[in-house]
Amino acid sequence: MLTGSRVAILSTIAHSPIDNDSAISAPRALELARHWGAEAGILSGAGHINVKSGHQRWEQGFAYLYRLQNRMEQHSLRRA
């Protein structure tokens, strides 16, 4: 079951709030993020995030990656 327990690592779910993502609904993505303890990134009208949906070099995706890296660094410093 996907919602059974928290993910053991810091994570981010990026999703479109409008139901134009063919892979998962917005409520389900938010539910998974909540159950997993993941940060939820809401992307207006993005659709499913892949090349087929028109996403090429995705600058907003890099921003999510950098924010996740920063969270990981902060988490490591707190544990040290």
Protein backbone atom coordinates (compact mmCIF):
# COMPACT_ATOMS: atom_id res chain seq x y z
CA MET A 1 0.00 0.00 0.00
CA LEU A 2 1.48 3.34 -1.03
CA THR A 3 0.15 5.37 1.89
CA GLY A 4 1.20 2.93 4.61
CA SER A 5 4.23 4.72 6.03
CA ARG A 6 6.44 7.75 5.76
CA VAL A 7 9.28 7.74 3.24
CA ALA A 8 12.61 7.36 5.03
CA ILE A 9 14.17 10.21 3.03
CA LEU A 10 13.27 13.84 2.41
CA SER A 11 11.11 14.07 -0.69
CA THR A 12 9.04 16.40 -2.86
CA ILE A 13 5.97 15.72 -4.97
CA ALA A 14 5.32 18.21 -7.77
CA HIS A 15 1.78 18.14 -9.17
CA SER A 16 -0.72 20.21 -11.11
CA PRO A 17 -3.80 21.24 -9.09
CA ILE A 18 -6.03 21.06 -12.15
CA ASP A 19 -7.09 17.55 -13.16
CA ASN A 20 -4.95 17.54 -16.31
CA ASP A 21 -2.38 15.04 -15.09
CA SER A 22 -3.26 11.69 -16.61
CA ALA A 23 -1.12 9.75 -14.11
CA ILE A 24 -2.62 10.88 -10.77
CA SER A 25 -5.32 13.22 -9.48
CA ALA A 26 -4.42 16.32 -7.48
CA PRO A 27 -6.18 15.07 -4.31
CA ARG A 28 -4.31 11.75 -4.53
CA ALA A 29 -0.93 13.48 -5.01
CA LEU A 30 -1.58 15.66 -1.95
CA GLU A 31 -2.71 12.62 0.05
CA LEU A 32 0.51 10.78 -0.82
CA ALA A 33 2.62 13.81 0.07
CA ARG A 34 0.89 14.07 3.44
CA HIS A 35 1.26 10.36 4.23
CA TRP A 36 4.89 10.26 3.08
CA GLY A 37 5.90 13.47 4.86
CA ALA A 38 6.89 14.95 1.49
CA GLU A 39 6.79 18.59 0.50
CA ALA A 40 3.98 19.16 -2.02
CA GLY A 41 4.72 21.46 -4.94
CA ILE A 42 1.60 22.64 -6.77
CA LEU A 43 2.13 23.57 -10.43
CA SER A 44 -0.76 25.36 -12.09
CA GLY A 45 -1.81 23.70 -15.37
CA ALA A 46 1.41 21.73 -15.82
CA GLY A 47 -0.20 18.41 -16.73
CA HIS A 48 1.89 15.28 -16.28
CA ILE A 49 5.49 16.44 -15.90
CA ASN A 50 7.41 14.79 -18.72
CA VAL A 51 8.77 15.59 -22.19
CA LYS A 52 5.58 14.35 -23.87
CA SER A 53 3.65 17.11 -22.04
CA GLY A 54 6.01 19.73 -23.45
CA HIS A 55 8.41 19.98 -20.53
CA GLN A 56 11.94 20.26 -21.85
CA ARG A 57 14.63 21.99 -19.78
CA TRP A 58 12.40 22.59 -16.80
CA GLU A 59 13.65 25.56 -14.77
CA GLN A 60 10.95 25.20 -12.11
CA GLY A 61 12.01 21.58 -11.68
CA PHE A 62 15.57 22.71 -10.98
CA ALA A 63 14.18 25.09 -8.33
CA TYR A 64 12.40 22.15 -6.65
CA LEU A 65 15.62 20.12 -6.81
CA TYR A 66 17.69 22.91 -5.27
CA ARG A 67 15.12 23.44 -2.51
CA LEU A 68 15.17 19.69 -1.77
CA GLN A 69 18.98 19.72 -1.66
CA ASN A 70 18.87 22.62 0.80
CA ARG A 71 16.37 20.76 3.00
CA MET A 72 18.68 17.72 2.97
CA GLU A 73 21.68 19.84 3.98
CA GLN A 74 19.71 21.49 6.81
CA HIS A 75 18.49 18.09 7.99
CA SER A 76 22.08 16.76 8.02
CA LEU A 77 23.30 19.74 10.02
CA ARG A 78 20.57 19.23 12.65
CA ARG A 79 21.52 15.57 12.99
CA ALA A 80 25.27 16.29 13.35
